[in-house]
N, C-alpha and C. Protein backbone atom coordinates (compact mmCIF):
# COMPACT_ATOMS: atom_id res chain seq x y z
N UNK A 1 0.85 -1.17 0.00
CA UNK A 1 0.00 0.00 0.00
C UNK A 1 0.90 1.24 0.00
N UNK A 2 0.65 2.20 -0.88
CA UNK A 2 1.56 3.33 -1.02
C UNK A 2 1.58 4.27 0.18
N UNK A 3 0.64 4.16 1.09
CA UNK A 3 0.58 5.07 2.22
C UNK A 3 1.40 4.59 3.41
N UNK A 4 1.85 3.35 3.36
CA UNK A 4 2.53 2.75 4.50
C UNK A 4 3.97 2.41 4.17
N UNK A 5 4.80 2.43 5.21
CA UNK A 5 6.22 2.12 5.06
C UNK A 5 6.62 1.23 6.23
N UNK A 6 7.47 0.26 5.95
CA UNK A 6 8.00 -0.58 7.02
C UNK A 6 9.07 0.22 7.76
N UNK A 7 8.93 0.30 9.07
CA UNK A 7 9.85 1.09 9.90
C UNK A 7 10.53 0.16 10.90
N UNK A 8 11.86 0.21 10.96
CA UNK A 8 12.63 -0.50 11.98
C UNK A 8 13.17 0.55 12.93
N UNK A 9 13.06 0.29 14.22
CA UNK A 9 13.56 1.26 15.20
C UNK A 9 14.05 0.51 16.43
N UNK A 10 14.80 1.23 17.25
CA UNK A 10 15.41 0.61 18.42
C UNK A 10 15.07 1.42 19.67
N UNK A 11 14.71 0.70 20.73
CA UNK A 11 14.44 1.32 22.03
C UNK A 11 15.19 0.53 23.09
N UNK A 12 16.09 1.21 23.81
CA UNK A 12 16.90 0.58 24.86
C UNK A 12 17.59 -0.69 24.37
N UNK A 13 18.16 -0.61 23.17
CA UNK A 13 18.92 -1.72 22.62
C UNK A 13 18.10 -2.84 21.99
N UNK A 14 16.79 -2.70 22.00
CA UNK A 14 15.94 -3.75 21.41
C UNK A 14 15.32 -3.25 20.11
N UNK A 15 15.39 -4.09 19.06
CA UNK A 15 14.87 -3.71 17.75
C UNK A 15 13.39 -4.05 17.63
N UNK A 16 12.68 -3.15 16.94
CA UNK A 16 11.25 -3.34 16.71
C UNK A 16 10.93 -3.07 15.24
N UNK A 17 9.83 -3.63 14.78
CA UNK A 17 9.31 -3.40 13.43
C UNK A 17 7.88 -2.90 13.55
N UNK A 18 7.52 -1.95 12.71
CA UNK A 18 6.15 -1.44 12.70
C UNK A 18 5.84 -0.91 11.31
N UNK A 19 4.56 -0.69 11.05
CA UNK A 19 4.20 0.03 9.83
C UNK A 19 4.16 1.50 10.20
N UNK A 20 4.59 2.34 9.26
CA UNK A 20 4.61 3.77 9.50
C UNK A 20 3.76 4.51 8.48
N UNK A 21 3.09 5.54 8.94
CA UNK A 21 2.25 6.39 8.11
C UNK A 21 2.82 7.80 8.22
N UNK A 22 3.40 8.29 7.12
CA UNK A 22 4.13 9.57 7.13
C UNK A 22 3.19 10.76 7.30
N UNK A 23 3.71 11.80 7.94
CA UNK A 23 2.96 13.05 8.06
C UNK A 23 3.67 14.17 7.31
N UNK A 24 3.07 15.33 7.33
CA UNK A 24 3.54 16.50 6.57
C UNK A 24 4.93 16.96 6.98
N UNK A 25 5.33 16.72 8.23
CA UNK A 25 6.60 17.21 8.75
C UNK A 25 7.71 16.17 8.77
N UNK A 26 7.47 15.00 8.16
CA UNK A 26 8.50 13.97 8.11
C UNK A 26 8.45 12.97 9.25
N UNK A 27 7.50 13.11 10.15
CA UNK A 27 7.33 12.14 11.23
C UNK A 27 6.46 10.98 10.76
N UNK A 28 6.28 10.01 11.65
CA UNK A 28 5.47 8.83 11.32
C UNK A 28 4.58 8.44 12.49
N UNK A 29 3.38 8.00 12.15
CA UNK A 29 2.52 7.31 13.11
C UNK A 29 2.85 5.83 12.95
N UNK A 30 3.03 5.13 14.06
CA UNK A 30 3.46 3.73 14.03
C UNK A 30 2.40 2.79 14.61
N UNK A 31 2.29 1.60 14.02
CA UNK A 31 1.46 0.52 14.55
C UNK A 31 2.20 -0.78 14.29
N UNK A 32 2.07 -1.72 15.24
CA UNK A 32 2.62 -3.05 15.00
C UNK A 32 1.55 -4.10 15.24
N UNK A 33 1.93 -5.36 15.09
CA UNK A 33 0.94 -6.44 15.24
C UNK A 33 0.65 -6.79 16.69
N UNK A 34 1.28 -6.11 17.64
CA UNK A 34 1.03 -6.32 19.07
C UNK A 34 0.23 -5.18 19.69
N UNK A 35 -0.49 -4.43 18.87
CA UNK A 35 -1.34 -3.32 19.33
C UNK A 35 -0.55 -2.08 19.77
N UNK A 36 0.76 -2.03 19.47
CA UNK A 36 1.55 -0.85 19.79
C UNK A 36 1.10 0.32 18.93
N UNK A 37 0.94 1.48 19.55
CA UNK A 37 0.66 2.73 18.84
C UNK A 37 1.71 3.74 19.30
N UNK A 38 2.40 4.34 18.35
CA UNK A 38 3.42 5.31 18.71
C UNK A 38 3.64 6.31 17.60
N UNK A 39 4.57 7.21 17.83
CA UNK A 39 4.89 8.27 16.88
C UNK A 39 6.38 8.47 16.82
N UNK A 40 6.90 8.66 15.62
CA UNK A 40 8.26 9.18 15.45
C UNK A 40 8.07 10.66 15.17
N UNK A 41 8.56 11.50 16.06
CA UNK A 41 8.36 12.95 15.97
C UNK A 41 9.01 13.51 14.71
N UNK A 42 8.49 14.64 14.25
CA UNK A 42 7.41 15.44 14.82
C UNK A 42 6.03 14.92 14.43
N UNK A 43 5.06 15.17 15.30
CA UNK A 43 3.67 14.78 15.05
C UNK A 43 3.03 15.87 14.21
N UNK A 44 2.27 15.46 13.20
CA UNK A 44 1.64 16.44 12.31
C UNK A 44 0.50 15.77 11.55
N UNK A 45 -0.17 16.55 10.73
CA UNK A 45 -1.27 16.07 9.90
C UNK A 45 -0.73 15.44 8.62
N UNK A 46 -1.60 14.70 7.92
CA UNK A 46 -1.23 14.08 6.64
C UNK A 46 -2.31 14.38 5.60
N UNK A 47 -2.05 15.32 4.67
CA UNK A 47 -2.99 15.55 3.57
C UNK A 47 -2.79 14.51 2.47
N UNK A 48 -3.90 14.06 1.87
CA UNK A 48 -3.85 13.02 0.84
C UNK A 48 -4.81 13.39 -0.28
N UNK A 49 -4.47 13.02 -1.50
CA UNK A 49 -5.30 13.28 -2.68
C UNK A 49 -5.61 14.77 -2.81
N UNK A 50 -4.59 15.61 -2.75
CA UNK A 50 -4.80 17.06 -2.75
C UNK A 50 -5.39 17.58 -4.05
N UNK A 51 -5.36 16.78 -5.10
CA UNK A 51 -5.91 17.23 -6.39
C UNK A 51 -7.39 16.89 -6.53
N UNK A 52 -7.98 16.25 -5.52
CA UNK A 52 -9.39 15.85 -5.58
C UNK A 52 -10.29 17.01 -5.14
N UNK A 53 -11.59 16.75 -5.18
CA UNK A 53 -12.57 17.81 -4.92
C UNK A 53 -12.98 17.88 -3.45
N UNK A 54 -13.77 18.92 -3.17
CA UNK A 54 -14.38 19.06 -1.85
C UNK A 54 -15.67 18.26 -1.83
N UNK A 55 -16.21 17.89 -0.71
CA UNK A 55 -15.70 18.16 0.62
C UNK A 55 -14.47 17.31 0.94
N UNK A 56 -13.66 17.81 1.85
CA UNK A 56 -12.50 17.06 2.31
C UNK A 56 -12.98 16.04 3.34
N UNK A 57 -12.54 14.80 3.19
CA UNK A 57 -12.83 13.76 4.18
C UNK A 57 -11.74 13.82 5.24
N UNK A 58 -12.14 14.05 6.48
CA UNK A 58 -11.20 14.28 7.57
C UNK A 58 -11.27 13.12 8.57
N UNK A 59 -10.11 12.54 8.86
CA UNK A 59 -10.03 11.35 9.71
C UNK A 59 -9.20 11.65 10.95
N UNK A 60 -9.58 11.04 12.06
CA UNK A 60 -8.83 11.21 13.30
C UNK A 60 -7.49 10.47 13.23
N UNK A 61 -7.51 9.25 12.70
CA UNK A 61 -6.29 8.45 12.63
C UNK A 61 -6.16 7.73 11.31
N UNK A 62 -4.96 7.24 11.03
CA UNK A 62 -4.72 6.64 9.72
C UNK A 62 -5.39 5.29 9.54
N UNK A 63 -5.68 4.57 10.62
CA UNK A 63 -6.39 3.30 10.47
C UNK A 63 -7.82 3.54 9.98
N UNK A 64 -8.43 4.63 10.42
CA UNK A 64 -9.76 5.00 9.93
C UNK A 64 -9.69 5.34 8.44
N UNK A 65 -8.65 6.07 8.05
CA UNK A 65 -8.45 6.41 6.64
C UNK A 65 -8.27 5.15 5.79
N UNK A 66 -7.45 4.21 6.26
CA UNK A 66 -7.22 2.98 5.51
C UNK A 66 -8.50 2.15 5.41
N UNK A 67 -9.29 2.14 6.47
CA UNK A 67 -10.59 1.44 6.42
C UNK A 67 -11.49 2.09 5.39
N UNK A 68 -11.51 3.42 5.37
CA UNK A 68 -12.30 4.16 4.38
C UNK A 68 -11.89 3.76 2.97
N UNK A 69 -10.58 3.70 2.73
CA UNK A 69 -10.09 3.31 1.40
C UNK A 69 -10.57 1.92 1.01
N UNK A 70 -10.55 1.00 1.94
CA UNK A 70 -10.95 -0.36 1.59
C UNK A 70 -12.46 -0.49 1.42
N UNK A 71 -13.22 0.47 1.94
CA UNK A 71 -14.68 0.45 1.81
C UNK A 71 -15.15 1.10 0.51
N UNK A 72 -14.31 1.91 -0.09
CA UNK A 72 -14.70 2.68 -1.27
C UNK A 72 -14.18 2.03 -2.54
N UNK A 73 -14.99 2.09 -3.60
CA UNK A 73 -14.54 1.64 -4.91
C UNK A 73 -13.52 2.64 -5.46
N UNK A 74 -13.83 3.91 -5.27
CA UNK A 74 -12.98 4.99 -5.78
C UNK A 74 -13.12 6.18 -4.83
N UNK A 75 -12.01 6.84 -4.55
CA UNK A 75 -12.05 8.01 -3.68
C UNK A 75 -12.02 9.25 -4.56
N UNK A 76 -13.05 10.07 -4.44
CA UNK A 76 -13.17 11.28 -5.25
C UNK A 76 -12.91 12.55 -4.47
N UNK A 77 -12.57 12.42 -3.20
CA UNK A 77 -12.39 13.58 -2.35
C UNK A 77 -10.96 13.71 -1.86
N UNK A 78 -10.59 14.95 -1.56
CA UNK A 78 -9.35 15.16 -0.83
C UNK A 78 -9.54 14.58 0.56
N UNK A 79 -8.46 14.15 1.17
CA UNK A 79 -8.54 13.59 2.51
C UNK A 79 -7.48 14.26 3.39
N UNK A 80 -7.79 14.32 4.67
CA UNK A 80 -6.84 14.85 5.64
C UNK A 80 -6.90 13.96 6.88
N UNK A 81 -5.75 13.40 7.26
CA UNK A 81 -5.67 12.60 8.47
C UNK A 81 -5.03 13.47 9.54
N UNK A 82 -5.75 13.67 10.65
CA UNK A 82 -5.24 14.54 11.72
C UNK A 82 -4.13 13.86 12.53
N UNK A 83 -4.14 12.53 12.58
CA UNK A 83 -3.18 11.76 13.37
C UNK A 83 -3.30 12.00 14.87
N UNK A 84 -4.32 12.73 15.29
CA UNK A 84 -4.64 12.96 16.69
C UNK A 84 -5.59 14.16 16.75
N UNK A 85 -6.53 14.14 17.69
CA UNK A 85 -7.39 15.32 17.84
C UNK A 85 -6.59 16.51 18.36
N UNK A 86 -5.40 16.26 18.87
CA UNK A 86 -4.55 17.38 19.31
C UNK A 86 -4.08 18.22 18.13
N UNK A 87 -4.27 17.73 16.91
CA UNK A 87 -3.88 18.47 15.71
C UNK A 87 -5.03 19.25 15.08
N UNK A 88 -6.06 19.57 15.85
CA UNK A 88 -7.20 20.33 15.31
C UNK A 88 -6.75 21.68 14.78
N UNK A 89 -5.94 22.40 15.55
CA UNK A 89 -5.47 23.71 15.12
C UNK A 89 -4.71 23.64 13.80
N UNK A 90 -3.81 22.68 13.68
CA UNK A 90 -3.06 22.51 12.43
C UNK A 90 -3.99 22.15 11.27
N UNK A 91 -4.99 21.32 11.57
CA UNK A 91 -5.95 20.91 10.54
C UNK A 91 -6.75 22.11 10.05
N UNK A 92 -7.22 22.93 10.98
CA UNK A 92 -7.99 24.13 10.61
C UNK A 92 -7.14 25.07 9.77
N UNK A 93 -5.89 25.29 10.19
CA UNK A 93 -4.99 26.16 9.42
C UNK A 93 -4.78 25.62 8.01
N UNK A 94 -4.51 24.33 7.91
CA UNK A 94 -4.30 23.70 6.60
C UNK A 94 -5.53 23.88 5.72
N UNK A 95 -6.71 23.57 6.26
CA UNK A 95 -7.95 23.68 5.48
C UNK A 95 -8.20 25.12 5.04
N UNK A 96 -7.98 26.08 5.95
CA UNK A 96 -8.15 27.49 5.58
C UNK A 96 -7.15 27.92 4.51
N UNK A 97 -5.90 27.50 4.65
CA UNK A 97 -4.87 27.86 3.67
C UNK A 97 -5.13 27.27 2.29
N UNK A 98 -5.93 26.21 2.23
CA UNK A 98 -6.26 25.56 0.96
C UNK A 98 -7.69 25.86 0.52
N UNK A 99 -8.26 26.92 1.06
CA UNK A 99 -9.60 27.41 0.69
C UNK A 99 -10.67 26.32 0.75
N UNK A 100 -10.61 25.49 1.77
CA UNK A 100 -11.62 24.44 1.96
C UNK A 100 -12.76 25.02 2.78
N UNK A 101 -13.98 24.78 2.34
CA UNK A 101 -15.15 25.27 3.08
C UNK A 101 -16.02 24.15 3.61
N UNK A 102 -15.88 22.96 3.05
CA UNK A 102 -16.78 21.85 3.38
C UNK A 102 -15.97 20.60 3.73
N UNK A 103 -16.32 19.97 4.87
CA UNK A 103 -15.61 18.76 5.29
C UNK A 103 -16.60 17.68 5.74
N UNK A 104 -16.18 16.44 5.57
CA UNK A 104 -16.89 15.29 6.12
C UNK A 104 -15.97 14.71 7.19
N UNK A 105 -16.44 14.69 8.43
CA UNK A 105 -15.59 14.21 9.51
C UNK A 105 -15.88 12.74 9.81
N UNK A 106 -14.82 11.96 9.88
CA UNK A 106 -14.88 10.54 10.26
C UNK A 106 -14.08 10.42 11.56
N UNK A 107 -14.64 10.97 12.62
CA UNK A 107 -13.93 11.02 13.90
C UNK A 107 -14.47 9.96 14.84
N UNK A 108 -13.77 9.77 15.96
CA UNK A 108 -14.18 8.76 16.93
C UNK A 108 -15.49 9.14 17.60
N UNK A 109 -16.23 8.14 18.02
CA UNK A 109 -17.48 8.33 18.76
C UNK A 109 -17.18 8.45 20.25
N UNK A 110 -16.51 9.53 20.61
CA UNK A 110 -16.21 9.82 22.01
C UNK A 110 -16.28 11.33 22.21
N UNK A 111 -16.06 11.77 23.44
CA UNK A 111 -16.15 13.21 23.73
C UNK A 111 -15.16 14.01 22.91
N UNK A 112 -13.94 13.51 22.76
CA UNK A 112 -12.92 14.23 21.99
C UNK A 112 -13.34 14.38 20.54
N UNK A 113 -13.91 13.34 19.96
CA UNK A 113 -14.38 13.41 18.57
C UNK A 113 -15.52 14.40 18.41
N UNK A 114 -16.46 14.39 19.36
CA UNK A 114 -17.59 15.34 19.30
C UNK A 114 -17.11 16.78 19.48
N UNK A 115 -16.17 16.99 20.40
CA UNK A 115 -15.62 18.35 20.59
C UNK A 115 -14.90 18.82 19.32
N UNK A 116 -14.19 17.91 18.67
CA UNK A 116 -13.48 18.26 17.44
C UNK A 116 -14.45 18.70 16.36
N UNK A 117 -15.56 17.98 16.21
CA UNK A 117 -16.58 18.37 15.22
C UNK A 117 -17.05 19.79 15.52
N UNK A 118 -17.33 20.09 16.78
CA UNK A 118 -17.78 21.44 17.16
C UNK A 118 -16.72 22.50 16.85
N UNK A 119 -15.45 22.16 17.05
CA UNK A 119 -14.36 23.10 16.73
C UNK A 119 -14.35 23.44 15.24
N UNK A 120 -14.57 22.45 14.39
CA UNK A 120 -14.61 22.70 12.95
C UNK A 120 -15.82 23.55 12.57
N UNK A 121 -16.94 23.31 13.22
CA UNK A 121 -18.13 24.13 12.98
C UNK A 121 -17.85 25.57 13.41
N UNK A 122 -17.28 25.75 14.61
CA UNK A 122 -16.95 27.09 15.12
C UNK A 122 -15.97 27.81 14.20
N UNK A 123 -15.09 27.05 13.55
CA UNK A 123 -14.09 27.64 12.65
C UNK A 123 -14.70 28.04 11.31
N UNK A 124 -16.00 27.75 11.11
CA UNK A 124 -16.70 28.21 9.92
C UNK A 124 -16.85 27.21 8.80
N UNK A 125 -16.49 25.96 9.04
CA UNK A 125 -16.61 24.95 8.00
C UNK A 125 -18.03 24.38 7.97
N UNK A 126 -18.47 24.04 6.76
CA UNK A 126 -19.70 23.26 6.62
C UNK A 126 -19.29 21.82 6.93
N UNK A 127 -19.84 21.25 8.00
CA UNK A 127 -19.40 19.95 8.49
C UNK A 127 -20.51 18.92 8.35
N UNK A 128 -20.17 17.79 7.74
CA UNK A 128 -21.06 16.64 7.72
C UNK A 128 -20.40 15.58 8.61
N UNK A 129 -21.03 15.32 9.76
CA UNK A 129 -20.48 14.37 10.73
C UNK A 129 -20.86 12.96 10.32
N UNK A 130 -19.90 12.21 9.82
CA UNK A 130 -20.15 10.86 9.29
C UNK A 130 -20.20 9.80 10.38
N UNK A 131 -19.91 10.17 11.63
CA UNK A 131 -19.91 9.18 12.70
C UNK A 131 -21.31 8.61 12.96
N UNK A 132 -22.35 9.28 12.47
CA UNK A 132 -23.71 8.74 12.62
C UNK A 132 -23.84 7.40 11.90
N UNK A 133 -23.01 7.14 10.91
CA UNK A 133 -23.06 5.89 10.15
C UNK A 133 -22.40 4.72 10.87
N UNK A 134 -21.63 5.02 11.91
CA UNK A 134 -20.98 3.95 12.69
C UNK A 134 -21.13 4.24 14.19
N UNK A 135 -22.32 4.71 14.54
CA UNK A 135 -22.62 5.17 15.90
C UNK A 135 -22.45 4.14 17.01
N UNK A 136 -22.61 2.87 16.72
CA UNK A 136 -22.47 1.84 17.75
C UNK A 136 -21.04 1.34 17.89
N UNK A 137 -20.11 2.01 17.24
CA UNK A 137 -18.71 1.59 17.25
C UNK A 137 -17.82 2.74 17.69
N UNK A 138 -16.63 2.40 18.18
CA UNK A 138 -15.67 3.41 18.65
C UNK A 138 -15.25 4.34 17.52
N UNK A 139 -15.02 3.77 16.35
CA UNK A 139 -14.56 4.57 15.22
C UNK A 139 -14.85 3.83 13.91
N UNK A 140 -14.49 4.45 12.81
CA UNK A 140 -14.75 3.87 11.49
C UNK A 140 -14.01 2.54 11.31
N UNK A 141 -12.80 2.45 11.80
CA UNK A 141 -12.03 1.22 11.66
C UNK A 141 -12.70 0.06 12.40
N UNK A 142 -13.15 0.29 13.63
CA UNK A 142 -13.83 -0.76 14.38
C UNK A 142 -15.10 -1.21 13.66
N UNK A 143 -15.83 -0.26 13.11
CA UNK A 143 -17.03 -0.56 12.33
C UNK A 143 -16.67 -1.44 11.13
N UNK A 144 -15.65 -1.03 10.40
CA UNK A 144 -15.25 -1.76 9.20
C UNK A 144 -14.80 -3.19 9.53
N UNK A 145 -13.98 -3.33 10.55
CA UNK A 145 -13.51 -4.66 10.95
C UNK A 145 -14.70 -5.55 11.32
N UNK A 146 -15.66 -5.00 12.04
CA UNK A 146 -16.85 -5.75 12.43
C UNK A 146 -17.64 -6.21 11.21
N UNK A 147 -17.83 -5.30 10.26
CA UNK A 147 -18.59 -5.64 9.06
C UNK A 147 -17.87 -6.69 8.21
N UNK A 148 -16.57 -6.58 8.09
CA UNK A 148 -15.80 -7.57 7.32
C UNK A 148 -15.91 -8.94 7.98
N UNK A 149 -15.82 -8.99 9.31
CA UNK A 149 -15.96 -10.27 10.02
C UNK A 149 -17.34 -10.87 9.79
N UNK A 150 -18.38 -10.03 9.83
CA UNK A 150 -19.74 -10.51 9.55
C UNK A 150 -19.82 -11.11 8.16
N UNK A 151 -19.27 -10.41 7.18
CA UNK A 151 -19.30 -10.90 5.80
C UNK A 151 -18.52 -12.20 5.66
N UNK A 152 -17.39 -12.29 6.33
CA UNK A 152 -16.59 -13.51 6.26
C UNK A 152 -17.34 -14.69 6.86
N UNK A 153 -18.05 -14.46 7.97
CA UNK A 153 -18.85 -15.53 8.59
C UNK A 153 -19.95 -16.00 7.64
N UNK A 154 -20.59 -15.05 6.96
CA UNK A 154 -21.63 -15.41 5.99
C UNK A 154 -21.04 -16.23 4.85
N UNK A 155 -19.86 -15.83 4.37
CA UNK A 155 -19.21 -16.57 3.29
C UNK A 155 -18.83 -17.98 3.71
N UNK A 156 -18.41 -18.12 4.96
CA UNK A 156 -18.02 -19.45 5.47
C UNK A 156 -19.23 -20.37 5.55
N UNK A 157 -20.41 -19.82 5.77
CA UNK A 157 -21.63 -20.63 5.90
C UNK A 157 -22.23 -21.03 4.55
N UNK A 158 -21.92 -20.28 3.50
CA UNK A 158 -22.48 -20.60 2.18
C UNK A 158 -21.63 -21.68 1.52
N UNK A 159 -22.28 -22.58 0.76
CA UNK A 159 -21.52 -23.63 0.07
C UNK A 159 -20.56 -23.03 -0.95
N UNK A 160 -19.37 -23.58 -1.00
CA UNK A 160 -18.36 -23.07 -1.93
C UNK A 160 -18.63 -23.59 -3.33
N UNK A 161 -18.54 -22.68 -4.29
CA UNK A 161 -18.68 -23.07 -5.69
C UNK A 161 -17.34 -23.01 -6.40
N UNK A 162 -16.39 -22.33 -5.77
CA UNK A 162 -15.04 -22.29 -6.35
C UNK A 162 -14.05 -22.11 -5.22
N UNK A 163 -12.79 -22.34 -5.51
CA UNK A 163 -11.73 -22.16 -4.53
C UNK A 163 -11.14 -20.76 -4.58
N UNK A 164 -11.66 -19.93 -5.46
CA UNK A 164 -11.13 -18.59 -5.63
C UNK A 164 -11.54 -17.72 -4.43
N UNK A 165 -10.57 -17.08 -3.73
CA UNK A 165 -10.92 -16.23 -2.59
C UNK A 165 -11.71 -15.00 -3.04
N UNK A 166 -12.63 -14.58 -2.19
CA UNK A 166 -13.45 -13.42 -2.51
C UNK A 166 -13.01 -12.25 -1.65
N UNK A 167 -12.96 -11.08 -2.27
CA UNK A 167 -12.64 -9.87 -1.53
C UNK A 167 -13.95 -9.21 -1.12
N UNK A 168 -14.03 -8.83 0.14
CA UNK A 168 -15.23 -8.20 0.66
C UNK A 168 -15.08 -6.69 0.56
N UNK A 169 -16.02 -6.03 -0.12
CA UNK A 169 -16.03 -4.57 -0.24
C UNK A 169 -17.28 -4.05 0.44
N UNK A 170 -17.12 -3.13 1.36
CA UNK A 170 -18.25 -2.48 2.01
C UNK A 170 -18.26 -1.04 1.59
N UNK A 171 -19.44 -0.49 1.41
CA UNK A 171 -19.53 0.87 0.90
C UNK A 171 -20.01 1.83 1.98
N UNK A 172 -19.43 3.00 1.97
CA UNK A 172 -19.90 4.13 2.76
C UNK A 172 -19.83 5.33 1.85
N UNK A 173 -20.76 6.24 1.97
CA UNK A 173 -20.76 7.34 1.02
C UNK A 173 -19.59 8.24 1.18
């Protein structure tokens, strides 16, 4: 996947491997297969598909963005990954500097996510809060993983007509 990079790093003499998601300032958001979440500084936002149209799809974290990509046949919008709700100010500045007026927020279903939506509204953006589509889940990624597991269970129960693996695509507007 072009958005991810394999990162090797060392902490107290021990080597680790993780996937890295680059940001605007050259830092990385890190995840590994043991649920580790970390950052290689500096922490910043990640704009993606800058040549696409508005509204900008805005994500709290890169796993939500990657879930969005796997749910869509084609992405027609610019995207911005905040990499943390602590980057609201940087996100607002970036959006203003790029003459963005309309955003779709794919933020977490928690107090921080709701406060972030209000901050974007206060900053003058037309905001469509997409979290209503995954309201019973922590975030878009958790929703997507749940739906994929449901689809896989259904596929396992149906009689096989071929040995060819099927890719599950879920759609969100």
